[in-house]
N, C-alpha and C. Protein backbone atom coordinates (compact mmCIF):
# COMPACT_ATOMS: atom_id res chain seq x y z
N MET A 1 22.50 132.89 134.77
CA MET A 1 21.91 131.57 134.65
C MET A 1 20.62 131.63 133.82
N ARG A 2 19.83 132.67 134.01
CA ARG A 2 18.57 132.78 133.29
C ARG A 2 18.81 132.91 131.79
N ILE A 3 19.86 133.61 131.40
CA ILE A 3 20.17 133.79 129.98
C ILE A 3 20.45 132.45 129.32
N ILE A 4 21.16 131.60 130.02
CA ILE A 4 21.49 130.27 129.48
C ILE A 4 20.21 129.48 129.23
N ILE A 5 19.32 129.50 130.20
CA ILE A 5 18.07 128.75 130.06
C ILE A 5 17.21 129.33 128.95
N GLU A 6 17.16 130.64 128.84
CA GLU A 6 16.38 131.27 127.76
C GLU A 6 16.95 130.89 126.39
N ASN A 7 18.26 130.80 126.28
CA ASN A 7 18.88 130.39 125.01
C ASN A 7 18.54 128.94 124.67
N ILE A 8 18.51 128.09 125.68
CA ILE A 8 18.14 126.69 125.44
C ILE A 8 16.69 126.58 124.98
N PHE A 9 15.79 127.35 125.61
CA PHE A 9 14.40 127.35 125.17
C PHE A 9 14.27 127.85 123.74
N ALA A 10 15.07 128.82 123.36
CA ALA A 10 15.03 129.34 121.99
C ALA A 10 15.42 128.26 120.99
N ILE A 11 16.43 127.47 121.34
CA ILE A 11 16.86 126.40 120.44
C ILE A 11 15.79 125.31 120.35
N LEU A 12 15.18 124.97 121.48
CA LEU A 12 14.11 123.97 121.46
C LEU A 12 12.92 124.46 120.64
N LYS A 13 12.66 125.75 120.65
CA LYS A 13 11.57 126.30 119.85
C LYS A 13 11.88 126.20 118.36
N LYS A 14 13.16 126.24 118.00
CA LYS A 14 13.52 126.06 116.59
C LYS A 14 13.12 124.68 116.10
N PHE A 15 13.24 123.68 116.97
CA PHE A 15 12.84 122.32 116.61
C PHE A 15 11.33 122.13 116.73
N LYS A 16 10.62 123.13 117.22
CA LYS A 16 9.16 123.16 117.34
C LYS A 16 8.61 122.06 118.26
N ILE A 17 9.42 121.60 119.20
CA ILE A 17 8.91 120.60 120.13
C ILE A 17 8.18 121.25 121.29
N ILE A 18 8.44 122.53 121.53
CA ILE A 18 7.76 123.23 122.62
C ILE A 18 6.66 124.14 122.09
N THR A 19 6.87 124.75 120.94
CA THR A 19 5.95 125.78 120.46
C THR A 19 4.64 125.22 119.90
N GLU A 20 4.66 124.04 119.34
CA GLU A 20 3.46 123.48 118.73
C GLU A 20 2.94 122.29 119.52
N LYS A 21 1.70 121.96 119.27
CA LYS A 21 1.11 120.80 119.93
C LYS A 21 1.79 119.53 119.43
N TYR A 22 2.18 118.66 120.37
CA TYR A 22 2.84 117.41 120.01
C TYR A 22 1.79 116.42 119.52
N ARG A 23 1.89 115.99 118.28
CA ARG A 23 0.85 115.18 117.65
C ARG A 23 1.21 113.70 117.51
N ASN A 24 2.35 113.31 118.01
CA ASN A 24 2.75 111.91 117.91
C ASN A 24 2.43 111.17 119.21
N ARG A 25 2.85 109.93 119.29
CA ARG A 25 2.57 109.14 120.48
C ARG A 25 3.29 109.72 121.69
N ARG A 26 2.58 109.71 122.80
CA ARG A 26 3.11 110.33 124.00
C ARG A 26 4.34 109.61 124.54
N LYS A 27 4.41 108.31 124.38
CA LYS A 27 5.54 107.59 124.96
C LYS A 27 6.85 107.90 124.24
N ARG A 28 6.79 108.45 123.05
CA ARG A 28 8.01 108.80 122.32
C ARG A 28 8.42 110.25 122.52
N PHE A 29 7.62 111.03 123.24
CA PHE A 29 7.96 112.43 123.46
C PHE A 29 9.29 112.55 124.20
N GLY A 30 9.48 111.75 125.24
CA GLY A 30 10.72 111.79 126.00
C GLY A 30 11.92 111.44 125.14
N LEU A 31 11.76 110.44 124.29
CA LEU A 31 12.84 110.03 123.40
C LEU A 31 13.22 111.16 122.46
N ARG A 32 12.24 111.77 121.84
CA ARG A 32 12.52 112.86 120.90
C ARG A 32 13.09 114.07 121.61
N PHE A 33 12.59 114.37 122.79
CA PHE A 33 13.13 115.50 123.55
C PHE A 33 14.58 115.25 123.90
N ASN A 34 14.91 114.02 124.31
CA ASN A 34 16.30 113.68 124.63
C ASN A 34 17.19 113.73 123.40
N LEU A 35 16.68 113.31 122.25
CA LEU A 35 17.47 113.38 121.02
C LEU A 35 17.81 114.82 120.65
N ILE A 36 16.83 115.70 120.77
CA ILE A 36 17.08 117.11 120.46
C ILE A 36 18.06 117.70 121.47
N ALA A 37 17.92 117.33 122.74
CA ALA A 37 18.86 117.82 123.75
C ALA A 37 20.27 117.32 123.46
N SER A 38 20.39 116.08 122.99
CA SER A 38 21.71 115.54 122.64
C SER A 38 22.32 116.27 121.45
N ILE A 39 21.50 116.57 120.46
CA ILE A 39 21.99 117.33 119.31
C ILE A 39 22.48 118.70 119.75
N TYR A 40 21.75 119.32 120.66
CA TYR A 40 22.14 120.63 121.17
C TYR A 40 23.48 120.56 121.90
N ASN A 41 23.70 119.48 122.64
CA ASN A 41 24.93 119.35 123.43
C ASN A 41 26.15 119.02 122.59
N LEU A 42 25.97 118.68 121.33
CA LEU A 42 27.13 118.40 120.47
C LEU A 42 27.88 119.68 120.28
C-alpha cells in the first residue's frame, strides 16, 4: 500500500503542485488538485 501512495506523490510532484509554493488563489487549490488527480486516474 505504501508503494502505491509513494507513486502517487511522485506523479503529483511532476505537476509541481506539492513541491513548490502555491502562488495562486487559495480557493482554486482544491479545484486544481482535483483536476490533476482526475488526469492521473485516466
